[in-house]
């Protein structure tokens, strides 16, 4: 076992820590397991507590400026209250539940360029040290995968994904940021929209699906964004025609031109009334980004959206960028939001 980090606040001779996560991608709302490995230093130390902090790299728009920063969005205490003897090796196992809104970092095993991490904090003799940062992989829930597959079957392609600091009004969003999965339109919808952005807001009882269209302008009306929101149940995965459902969502989003153009106010109708409710215009209480994201290239296959190779760009390049970001953050503890 090679321990990644010396607990720097204790100086040379202090304990070292290495957190090892169970291999494989976790799922939103699902368990995250692993072990915190401690190695004693040159003396006995009292371990006050061991905590895990979930962090994400997010885009934060402030006025016309945009910056990337880490935001902590969950914290768990997994151990503590014991003495670590000189030179002792100790493993502290843990299993915690991820928040239901935890963003997706991969699709079909390919990176989406989203940076999530688990940071380990060890408090020893009153000194807190964030001594380890590990990359967190999260795959889609069955309903999320079914919806993304339906987009692919309808001819949409994956363009990029990012995390935006802020909130989407009118939803049950709980985290201080949300994920946007940006899709290029199918030929059927290319005349109406430049791209579609999908946001999943899952809970234990179901999931809100927020669709935002960056719409093309016509001769009589300028381009603008439109937002609709739908709800689905987790247990509908096996008895739902997802392609037909998603196509119906898209038709509502792009065909109700007059309703959007007339600028009807928020609050008309029940936003939780099921598949037919919709909101006009996007209403984000934070930054909003529609430009291209990380260099993840994609191709569309029969199974749905797929991350692959296009124009010489390889998804592995994004993995390298993610790794570089974590290395930079380990060198600079001030990066935490």
Protein backbone atom coordinates (compact mmCIF):
# COMPACT_ATOMS: atom_id res chain seq x y z
CA UNK A 1 0.00 0.00 0.00
CA UNK A 2 1.44 3.33 -1.06
CA UNK A 3 -0.06 6.09 1.06
CA UNK A 4 -0.90 9.12 -1.02
CA UNK A 5 -0.76 11.90 1.48
CA UNK A 6 1.11 12.77 4.62
CA UNK A 7 -1.16 14.63 7.00
CA UNK A 8 0.71 17.86 6.44
CA UNK A 9 -0.73 19.83 9.35
CA UNK A 10 0.98 17.38 11.74
CA UNK A 11 4.39 17.67 10.09
CA UNK A 12 6.94 14.94 9.49
CA UNK A 13 6.30 11.92 11.66
CA UNK A 14 2.53 12.24 11.58
CA UNK A 15 0.08 9.61 10.30
CA UNK A 16 -0.62 9.08 6.61
CA UNK A 17 -3.98 8.37 4.98
CA UNK A 18 -5.20 6.72 1.79
CA UNK A 19 -8.87 6.23 0.93
CA UNK A 20 -9.67 3.39 -1.45
CA UNK A 21 -13.13 3.37 -3.05
CA UNK A 22 -14.82 0.17 -4.16
CA UNK A 23 -14.18 -0.27 -7.87
CA UNK A 24 -16.89 0.44 -10.39
CA UNK A 25 -19.25 3.34 -10.89
CA UNK A 26 -21.72 4.25 -8.15
CA UNK A 27 -25.26 5.44 -8.89
CA UNK A 28 -27.20 8.50 -7.70
CA UNK A 29 -28.93 7.64 -4.44
CA UNK A 30 -26.95 4.41 -4.21
CA UNK A 31 -24.23 3.20 -1.86
CA UNK A 32 -20.60 4.28 -1.97
CA UNK A 33 -18.24 1.92 -0.17
CA UNK A 34 -14.56 1.75 0.54
CA UNK A 35 -11.92 1.88 3.25
CA UNK A 36 -9.88 4.67 4.81
CA UNK A 37 -6.38 3.25 5.38
CA UNK A 38 -4.35 4.90 8.13
CA UNK A 39 -0.70 4.37 8.92
CA UNK A 40 0.61 5.52 12.26
CA UNK A 41 3.47 7.97 12.50
CA UNK A 42 6.48 8.20 14.79
CA UNK A 43 4.29 8.49 17.89
CA UNK A 44 0.79 7.63 19.08
CA UNK A 45 -1.95 9.95 17.83
CA UNK A 46 -5.59 10.40 18.87
CA UNK A 47 -7.88 10.33 15.83
CA UNK A 48 -10.78 12.65 16.69
CA UNK A 49 -12.80 12.00 13.55
CA UNK A 50 -12.59 10.80 9.94
CA UNK A 51 -14.95 12.51 7.51
CA UNK A 52 -15.64 12.12 3.80
CA UNK A 53 -16.62 15.14 1.74
CA UNK A 54 -18.12 14.93 -1.75
CA UNK A 55 -16.83 17.70 -4.00
CA UNK A 56 -17.55 18.73 -7.59
CA UNK A 57 -15.92 21.06 -10.08
CA UNK A 58 -18.57 23.53 -11.18
CA UNK A 59 -18.87 26.48 -13.54
CA UNK A 60 -19.78 29.62 -11.63
CA UNK A 61 -20.90 32.62 -13.67
CA UNK A 62 -20.70 35.94 -11.87
CA UNK A 63 -21.76 38.72 -14.17
CA UNK A 64 -19.79 38.30 -17.37
CA UNK A 65 -17.04 36.30 -15.70
CA UNK A 66 -16.98 32.54 -15.37
CA UNK A 67 -14.75 30.57 -13.05
CA UNK A 68 -14.28 26.93 -12.16
CA UNK A 69 -14.17 25.96 -8.52
CA UNK A 70 -14.74 23.03 -6.21
CA UNK A 71 -18.04 22.92 -4.31
CA UNK A 72 -18.62 20.51 -1.43
CA UNK A 73 -22.13 19.05 -1.60
CA UNK A 74 -22.24 16.30 1.04
CA UNK A 75 -20.31 15.26 4.13
CA UNK A 76 -20.22 12.03 6.15
CA UNK A 77 -18.45 11.16 9.40
CA UNK A 78 -17.22 7.56 9.06
CA UNK A 79 -15.01 7.04 12.09
CA UNK A 80 -12.99 8.49 14.93
CA UNK A 81 -12.58 8.45 18.68
CA UNK A 82 -9.62 6.07 18.82
CA UNK A 83 -5.85 6.09 19.27
CA UNK A 84 -3.59 5.20 16.33
CA UNK A 85 -0.44 3.65 17.73
CA UNK A 86 3.04 4.37 16.42
CA UNK A 87 3.49 2.66 13.05
CA UNK A 88 0.06 0.97 13.26
CA UNK A 89 -1.84 0.17 10.08
CA UNK A 90 -5.61 0.41 10.34
CA UNK A 91 -8.48 0.20 7.88
CA UNK A 92 -11.79 1.97 8.54
CA UNK A 93 -14.52 0.56 6.26
CA UNK A 94 -17.47 2.72 5.25
CA UNK A 95 -20.67 2.64 3.24
CA UNK A 96 -22.55 5.88 2.66
CA UNK A 97 -25.48 6.86 0.43
CA UNK A 98 -24.85 9.30 -2.41
CA UNK A 99 -27.32 12.19 -2.83
CA UNK A 100 -29.98 11.44 -5.42
CA UNK A 101 -28.90 14.50 -7.44
CA UNK A 102 -25.27 13.38 -7.68
CA UNK A 103 -24.18 14.19 -11.27
CA UNK A 104 -23.26 11.53 -13.81
CA UNK A 105 -19.58 11.25 -14.71
CA UNK A 106 -19.83 8.49 -17.29
CA UNK A 107 -22.16 6.97 -19.84
CA UNK A 108 -21.63 3.48 -21.25
CA UNK A 109 -18.34 3.41 -19.35
CA UNK A 110 -17.00 6.52 -21.13
CA UNK A 111 -16.10 9.73 -19.31
CA UNK A 112 -18.35 12.76 -19.72
CA UNK A 113 -15.65 15.13 -18.47
CA UNK A 114 -17.41 15.76 -15.15
CA UNK A 115 -15.09 16.07 -12.14
CA UNK A 116 -16.37 14.58 -8.88
CA UNK A 117 -14.23 13.57 -5.93
CA UNK A 118 -14.25 12.17 -2.41
CA UNK A 119 -12.05 14.14 -0.06
CA UNK A 120 -10.96 12.56 3.22
CA UNK A 121 -10.60 14.76 6.27
CA UNK A 122 -8.80 13.43 9.34
CA UNK A 123 -8.85 15.36 12.59
CA UNK A 124 -5.90 14.48 14.80
CA UNK A 125 -5.17 16.17 18.11
CA UNK A 126 -7.43 19.06 17.17
CA UNK A 127 -5.78 19.66 13.78
CA UNK A 128 -7.92 19.00 10.69
CA UNK A 129 -6.19 17.84 7.53
CA UNK A 130 -7.76 17.15 4.16
CA UNK A 131 -5.23 14.54 3.29
CA UNK A 132 -6.66 12.58 0.36
CA UNK A 133 -8.76 13.27 -2.74
CA UNK A 134 -10.10 10.44 -4.87
CA UNK A 135 -11.98 10.55 -8.14
CA UNK A 136 -15.62 9.46 -7.91
CA UNK A 137 -17.27 7.65 -10.84
CA UNK A 138 -21.06 7.80 -11.13
CA UNK A 139 -23.17 6.06 -13.77
CA UNK A 140 -26.82 6.67 -14.66
CA UNK A 141 -29.90 5.32 -12.96
CA UNK A 142 -31.98 2.98 -15.15
CA UNK A 143 -34.51 5.71 -15.99
CA UNK A 144 -31.73 8.18 -16.79
CA UNK A 145 -30.07 5.70 -19.12
CA UNK A 146 -33.42 4.88 -20.75
CA UNK A 147 -34.08 8.57 -21.46
CA UNK A 148 -30.61 9.16 -22.88
CA UNK A 149 -30.91 6.03 -25.00
CA UNK A 150 -34.23 7.31 -26.33
CA UNK A 151 -32.59 10.57 -27.38
CA UNK A 152 -29.95 8.56 -29.22
CA UNK A 153 -32.55 6.40 -30.93
CA UNK A 154 -34.29 9.59 -32.07
CA UNK A 155 -31.04 10.75 -33.70
CA UNK A 156 -29.68 13.11 -31.07
CA UNK A 157 -25.96 13.13 -30.31
CA UNK A 158 -24.04 13.83 -27.13
CA UNK A 159 -22.06 17.08 -27.28
CA UNK A 160 -20.81 17.81 -23.76
CA UNK A 161 -21.75 17.90 -20.09
CA UNK A 162 -21.02 20.37 -17.32
CA UNK A 163 -22.07 21.43 -13.85
CA UNK A 164 -23.57 24.88 -13.35
CA UNK A 165 -23.64 26.68 -10.01
CA UNK A 166 -27.14 27.98 -9.24
CA UNK A 167 -30.68 26.68 -9.14
CA UNK A 168 -33.47 25.99 -11.62
CA UNK A 169 -36.59 27.77 -10.47
CA UNK A 170 -39.80 25.84 -10.03
CA UNK A 171 -38.08 22.52 -9.35
CA UNK A 172 -37.30 20.51 -6.25
CA UNK A 173 -33.54 20.92 -6.75
CA UNK A 174 -31.58 20.42 -3.53
CA UNK A 175 -27.90 20.69 -4.46
CA UNK A 176 -26.33 24.14 -5.04
CA UNK A 177 -25.58 23.21 -8.66
CA UNK A 178 -27.14 21.17 -11.48
CA UNK A 179 -25.85 19.11 -14.36
CA UNK A 180 -26.50 19.92 -17.99
CA UNK A 181 -26.08 17.19 -20.61
CA UNK A 182 -25.93 18.96 -23.96
CA UNK A 183 -27.24 17.15 -27.04
CA UNK A 184 -27.03 18.00 -30.72
CA UNK A 185 -30.40 17.82 -32.48
CA UNK A 186 -31.53 15.07 -34.79
CA UNK A 187 -32.27 16.03 -38.43
CA UNK A 188 -35.96 16.08 -37.55
CA UNK A 189 -35.45 18.88 -35.02
CA UNK A 190 -32.38 20.62 -36.43
CA UNK A 191 -34.53 23.31 -38.07
CA UNK A 192 -36.00 24.28 -34.70
CA UNK A 193 -33.22 23.99 -32.14
CA UNK A 194 -29.45 24.41 -31.96
CA UNK A 195 -29.17 22.03 -29.02
CA UNK A 196 -31.12 20.40 -26.21
CA UNK A 197 -29.88 20.46 -22.62
CA UNK A 198 -31.07 17.73 -20.26
CA UNK A 199 -31.00 18.01 -16.46
CA UNK A 200 -31.97 15.15 -14.14
CA UNK A 201 -33.20 15.97 -10.63
CA UNK A 202 -33.77 12.61 -8.97
CA UNK A 203 -35.34 11.84 -5.60
CA UNK A 204 -36.17 8.58 -3.84
CA UNK A 205 -39.71 8.84 -5.20
CA UNK A 206 -39.01 9.69 -8.83
CA UNK A 207 -37.23 12.14 -11.07
CA UNK A 208 -37.77 15.51 -12.65
CA UNK A 209 -36.44 15.84 -16.19
CA UNK A 210 -35.73 19.42 -17.23
CA UNK A 211 -35.34 20.00 -20.95
CA UNK A 212 -34.02 23.28 -22.27
CA UNK A 213 -33.91 24.15 -25.95
CA UNK A 214 -31.56 26.67 -27.44
CA UNK A 215 -33.95 27.59 -30.22
CA UNK A 216 -33.17 28.84 -33.68
CA UNK A 217 -34.55 32.22 -34.65
CA UNK A 218 -36.90 32.62 -37.61
CA UNK A 219 -37.75 35.51 -39.90
CA UNK A 220 -40.50 36.75 -37.58
CA UNK A 221 -39.04 35.87 -34.19
CA UNK A 222 -35.59 35.83 -32.67
CA UNK A 223 -34.01 32.78 -31.15
CA UNK A 224 -34.52 32.21 -27.45
CA UNK A 225 -34.39 29.50 -24.83
CA UNK A 226 -37.42 27.54 -23.67
CA UNK A 227 -37.67 25.26 -20.65
CA UNK A 228 -40.01 22.37 -19.92
CA UNK A 229 -40.12 19.99 -16.99
CA UNK A 230 -41.54 16.48 -16.74
CA UNK A 231 -41.69 13.85 -14.01
CA UNK A 232 -41.07 10.12 -14.25
CA UNK A 233 -41.17 7.28 -11.75
CA UNK A 234 -38.24 4.94 -11.13
CA UNK A 235 -40.48 1.90 -11.44
CA UNK A 236 -41.71 2.92 -14.91
CA UNK A 237 -38.50 1.65 -16.47
CA UNK A 238 -39.96 -1.67 -17.67
CA UNK A 239 -43.37 -0.60 -18.97
CA UNK A 240 -42.70 2.69 -20.73
CA UNK A 241 -42.12 3.36 -24.44
CA UNK A 242 -39.26 5.77 -23.75
CA UNK A 243 -38.67 6.72 -27.36
CA UNK A 244 -42.29 7.76 -27.81
CA UNK A 245 -42.34 9.55 -24.47
CA UNK A 246 -39.18 11.57 -25.16
CA UNK A 247 -40.38 12.40 -28.67
CA UNK A 248 -43.60 13.75 -27.13
CA UNK A 249 -41.56 15.88 -24.74
CA UNK A 250 -39.56 17.30 -27.63
CA UNK A 251 -42.69 18.11 -29.61
CA UNK A 252 -44.09 20.06 -26.67
CA UNK A 253 -40.80 21.89 -26.34
CA UNK A 254 -40.39 22.97 -29.97
CA UNK A 255 -43.91 23.07 -31.43
CA UNK A 256 -45.65 25.43 -29.01
CA UNK A 257 -44.07 28.45 -30.65
CA UNK A 258 -46.95 30.79 -30.05
CA UNK A 259 -47.16 30.04 -26.35
CA UNK A 260 -43.44 30.68 -25.92
CA UNK A 261 -43.36 33.74 -28.17
CA UNK A 262 -46.24 35.40 -26.33
CA UNK A 263 -44.19 35.33 -23.12
CA UNK A 264 -46.78 33.68 -20.90
CA UNK A 265 -45.83 34.06 -17.26
CA UNK A 266 -44.44 31.39 -14.96
CA UNK A 267 -46.95 29.65 -12.77
CA UNK A 268 -49.69 28.96 -15.35
CA UNK A 269 -50.79 25.42 -14.63
CA UNK A 270 -49.44 22.90 -12.15
CA UNK A 271 -45.74 22.30 -12.80
CA UNK A 272 -46.10 18.87 -11.19
CA UNK A 273 -49.10 17.82 -13.29
CA UNK A 274 -47.14 15.08 -15.10
CA UNK A 275 -45.91 14.77 -18.64
CA UNK A 276 -47.96 17.62 -20.06
CA UNK A 277 -46.90 20.48 -17.81
CA UNK A 278 -44.41 22.97 -19.20
CA UNK A 279 -42.76 26.26 -18.32
CA UNK A 280 -41.88 29.07 -20.67
CA UNK A 281 -38.35 30.47 -20.90
CA UNK A 282 -35.42 29.30 -18.82
CA UNK A 283 -35.39 30.40 -15.21
CA UNK A 284 -32.01 29.64 -13.66
CA UNK A 285 -31.05 31.33 -10.41
CA UNK A 286 -27.41 31.19 -11.37
CA UNK A 287 -25.04 30.93 -14.28
CA UNK A 288 -26.01 29.36 -17.57
CA UNK A 289 -23.69 27.98 -20.23
CA UNK A 290 -24.49 26.85 -23.74
CA UNK A 291 -21.05 26.72 -25.36
CA UNK A 292 -19.10 23.55 -26.07
CA UNK A 293 -17.66 21.80 -23.08
CA UNK A 294 -14.79 19.34 -22.66
CA UNK A 295 -13.35 17.65 -25.74
CA UNK A 296 -15.55 14.57 -25.47
CA UNK A 297 -16.45 13.50 -28.99
CA UNK A 298 -19.46 11.33 -29.63
CA UNK A 299 -21.17 9.12 -32.15
CA UNK A 300 -24.77 7.94 -32.23
CA UNK A 301 -25.40 4.22 -32.42
CA UNK A 302 -28.43 1.96 -32.48
CA UNK A 303 -28.30 1.60 -28.71
CA UNK A 304 -28.61 5.32 -28.13
CA UNK A 305 -26.14 8.00 -27.21
CA UNK A 306 -22.56 6.77 -27.24
CA UNK A 307 -19.30 8.46 -26.38
CA UNK A 308 -16.69 7.59 -28.99
CA UNK A 309 -14.19 8.95 -31.47
CA UNK A 310 -14.95 11.79 -33.88
CA UNK A 311 -12.52 14.06 -35.67
CA UNK A 312 -9.49 12.54 -33.99
CA UNK A 313 -10.62 13.45 -30.45
CA UNK A 314 -10.69 10.58 -27.99
CA UNK A 315 -12.68 10.37 -24.79
CA UNK A 316 -9.51 9.29 -22.97
CA UNK A 317 -8.21 12.84 -23.39
CA UNK A 318 -10.95 14.01 -21.06
CA UNK A 319 -9.91 11.40 -18.50
CA UNK A 320 -6.40 12.86 -18.58
CA UNK A 321 -7.78 16.36 -18.05
CA UNK A 322 -9.80 15.15 -15.06
CA UNK A 323 -6.72 13.50 -13.57
CA UNK A 324 -4.67 16.65 -14.04
CA UNK A 325 -7.34 18.70 -12.27
CA UNK A 326 -7.28 16.43 -9.23
CA UNK A 327 -3.49 16.57 -9.09
CA UNK A 328 -3.61 20.37 -9.21
CA UNK A 329 -6.20 20.47 -6.44
CA UNK A 330 -4.18 18.17 -4.22
CA UNK A 331 -1.32 20.66 -4.56
CA UNK A 332 -3.55 23.64 -3.77
CA UNK A 333 -5.95 23.17 -0.88
CA UNK A 334 -7.39 26.63 -1.46
CA UNK A 335 -9.33 25.33 -4.44
CA UNK A 336 -12.18 24.06 -2.28
CA UNK A 337 -15.42 25.99 -2.52
